[in-house]
Amino acid sequence: MTPNNSGAAAPWWKFGHVWLVVAGPALVVVASFITLYLAITRPDPVLAEDYYRQGININQTQGKETLAGSQAPAMQGRNHAATGVVPKP
């Protein structure tokens, strides 16, 4: 049995599986350049010098309001889920 060599070997770019192997890394390189472009053109905003103090002040002012106001629906829902008793409006 002899192999069927009807002609010269085809060039590498005519094989489809080669393009599957090359396409993955090429796509990653293109995506990295897009990411680099986005990182350069859209920088992160600068935080205030006293961002920590501002956060503490926000938490202190919200702490006074949350127990009476904004946390009330959540606490009612939690209590309803735990006990099954529907709260009165």
C-alpha atoms as a PDB file:
ATOM      1  CA  MET A   1       0.000   0.000   0.000  1.00  0.00           C
ATOM      2  CA  THR A   2       1.408   3.293  -1.022  1.00  0.00           C
ATOM      3  CA  PRO A   3       0.047   6.657   0.043  1.00  0.00           C
ATOM      4  CA  ASN A   4      -1.914   8.616  -2.504  1.00  0.00           C
ATOM      5  CA  ASN A   5       0.325  11.593  -3.262  1.00  0.00           C
ATOM      6  CA  SER A   6      -1.451  13.185  -6.146  1.00  0.00           C
ATOM      7  CA  GLY A   7       0.419  16.475  -5.850  1.00  0.00           C
ATOM      8  CA  ALA A   8       2.453  18.741  -3.638  1.00  0.00           C
ATOM      9  CA  ALA A   9       1.325  19.493  -0.090  1.00  0.00           C
ATOM     10  CA  ALA A  10      -1.043  22.412   0.244  1.00  0.00           C
ATOM     11  CA  PRO A  11       0.221  25.611   1.920  1.00  0.00           C
ATOM     12  CA  TRP A  12      -0.518  26.035   5.621  1.00  0.00           C
ATOM     13  CA  TRP A  13      -3.109  28.778   5.180  1.00  0.00           C
ATOM     14  CA  LYS A  14      -5.400  26.472   3.231  1.00  0.00           C
ATOM     15  CA  PHE A  15      -6.100  24.281   6.260  1.00  0.00           C
ATOM     16  CA  GLY A  16      -9.120  25.386   8.313  1.00  0.00           C
ATOM     17  CA  HIS A  17      -7.922  24.033  11.655  1.00  0.00           C
ATOM     18  CA  VAL A  18      -4.841  26.269  11.473  1.00  0.00           C
ATOM     19  CA  TRP A  19      -7.100  29.321  11.421  1.00  0.00           C
ATOM     20  CA  LEU A  20      -8.958  28.034  14.474  1.00  0.00           C
ATOM     21  CA  VAL A  21      -5.647  27.818  16.338  1.00  0.00           C
ATOM     22  CA  VAL A  22      -4.513  31.276  15.191  1.00  0.00           C
ATOM     23  CA  ALA A  23      -7.884  33.009  15.697  1.00  0.00           C
ATOM     24  CA  GLY A  24      -7.992  32.548  19.504  1.00  0.00           C
ATOM     25  CA  PRO A  25      -4.755  34.363  20.371  1.00  0.00           C
ATOM     26  CA  ALA A  26      -5.368  36.958  17.651  1.00  0.00           C
ATOM     27  CA  LEU A  27      -8.768  37.757  19.149  1.00  0.00           C
ATOM     28  CA  VAL A  28      -7.201  38.139  22.597  1.00  0.00           C
ATOM     29  CA  VAL A  29      -4.606  40.573  21.229  1.00  0.00           C
ATOM     30  CA  VAL A  30      -7.309  42.684  19.546  1.00  0.00           C
ATOM     31  CA  ALA A  31      -9.422  42.682  22.723  1.00  0.00           C
ATOM     32  CA  SER A  32      -6.421  43.761  24.797  1.00  0.00           C
ATOM     33  CA  PHE A  33      -5.846  46.763  22.537  1.00  0.00           C
ATOM     34  CA  ILE A  34      -9.514  47.716  22.829  1.00  0.00           C
ATOM     35  CA  THR A  35      -9.254  47.443  26.618  1.00  0.00           C
ATOM     36  CA  LEU A  36      -6.084  49.550  26.609  1.00  0.00           C
ATOM     37  CA  TYR A  37      -7.839  52.219  24.533  1.00  0.00           C
ATOM     38  CA  LEU A  38     -10.795  52.296  26.926  1.00  0.00           C
ATOM     39  CA  ALA A  39      -8.493  52.500  29.950  1.00  0.00           C
ATOM     40  CA  ILE A  40      -6.545  55.411  28.500  1.00  0.00           C
ATOM     41  CA  THR A  41      -9.513  57.431  27.229  1.00  0.00           C
ATOM     42  CA  ARG A  42     -11.763  56.958  30.282  1.00  0.00           C
ATOM     43  CA  PRO A  43      -9.685  57.439  33.451  1.00  0.00           C
ATOM     44  CA  ASP A  44     -11.104  56.761  36.893  1.00  0.00           C
ATOM     45  CA  PRO A  45     -12.521  59.795  38.701  1.00  0.00           C
ATOM     46  CA  VAL A  46     -10.392  61.346  41.432  1.00  0.00           C
ATOM     47  CA  LEU A  47     -11.684  60.874  44.949  1.00  0.00           C
ATOM     48  CA  ALA A  48     -11.907  63.758  47.344  1.00  0.00           C
ATOM     49  CA  GLU A  49      -9.037  64.145  49.789  1.00  0.00           C
ATOM     50  CA  ASP A  50     -11.331  63.509  52.755  1.00  0.00           C
ATOM     51  CA  TYR A  51     -13.461  60.740  51.255  1.00  0.00           C
ATOM     52  CA  TYR A  52     -13.243  58.689  54.437  1.00  0.00           C
ATOM     53  CA  ARG A  53     -14.529  61.511  56.640  1.00  0.00           C
ATOM     54  CA  GLN A  54     -17.366  62.202  54.186  1.00  0.00           C
ATOM     55  CA  GLY A  55     -18.359  58.540  54.304  1.00  0.00           C
ATOM     56  CA  ILE A  56     -18.429  58.556  58.100  1.00  0.00           C
ATOM     57  CA  ASN A  57     -20.615  61.690  58.080  1.00  0.00           C
ATOM     58  CA  ILE A  58     -23.009  60.105  55.591  1.00  0.00           C
ATOM     59  CA  ASN A  59     -23.293  56.972  57.712  1.00  0.00           C
ATOM     60  CA  GLN A  60     -23.922  59.016  60.869  1.00  0.00           C
ATOM     61  CA  THR A  61     -26.666  61.112  59.264  1.00  0.00           C
ATOM     62  CA  GLN A  62     -28.322  58.080  57.689  1.00  0.00           C
ATOM     63  CA  GLY A  63     -28.097  56.124  60.920  1.00  0.00           C
ATOM     64  CA  LYS A  64     -30.515  58.519  62.618  1.00  0.00           C
ATOM     65  CA  GLU A  65     -33.061  58.204  59.804  1.00  0.00           C
ATOM     66  CA  THR A  66     -32.767  54.518  58.951  1.00  0.00           C
ATOM     67  CA  LEU A  67     -34.295  53.032  62.060  1.00  0.00           C
ATOM     68  CA  ALA A  68     -37.457  55.067  61.760  1.00  0.00           C
ATOM     69  CA  GLY A  69     -37.744  55.548  58.016  1.00  0.00           C
ATOM     70  CA  SER A  70     -35.960  53.683  55.295  1.00  0.00           C
ATOM     71  CA  GLN A  71     -35.356  50.387  57.126  1.00  0.00           C
ATOM     72  CA  ALA A  72     -38.949  49.993  58.322  1.00  0.00           C
ATOM     73  CA  PRO A  73     -40.274  48.151  55.225  1.00  0.00           C
ATOM     74  CA  ALA A  74     -37.337  45.768  55.261  1.00  0.00           C
ATOM     75  CA  MET A  75     -37.760  45.015  58.934  1.00  0.00           C
ATOM     76  CA  GLN A  76     -41.490  44.427  58.471  1.00  0.00           C
ATOM     77  CA  GLY A  77     -40.812  42.047  55.604  1.00  0.00           C
ATOM     78  CA  ARG A  78     -38.219  40.185  57.634  1.00  0.00           C
ATOM     79  CA  ASN A  79     -40.573  39.871  60.589  1.00  0.00           C
ATOM     80  CA  HIS A  80     -43.392  38.697  58.326  1.00  0.00           C
ATOM     81  CA  ALA A  81     -41.156  36.054  56.774  1.00  0.00           C
ATOM     82  CA  ALA A  82     -40.039  34.820  60.192  1.00  0.00           C
ATOM     83  CA  THR A  83     -43.400  34.794  61.982  1.00  0.00           C
ATOM     84  CA  GLY A  84     -46.043  34.730  59.242  1.00  0.00           C
ATOM     85  CA  VAL A  85     -47.909  37.641  60.846  1.00  0.00           C
ATOM     86  CA  VAL A  86     -48.937  40.382  58.399  1.00  0.00           C
ATOM     87  CA  PRO A  87     -48.007  43.841  59.751  1.00  0.00           C
ATOM     88  CA  LYS A  88     -50.743  46.440  60.130  1.00  0.00           C
ATOM     89  CA  PRO A  89     -50.355  49.481  57.853  1.00  0.00           C
END
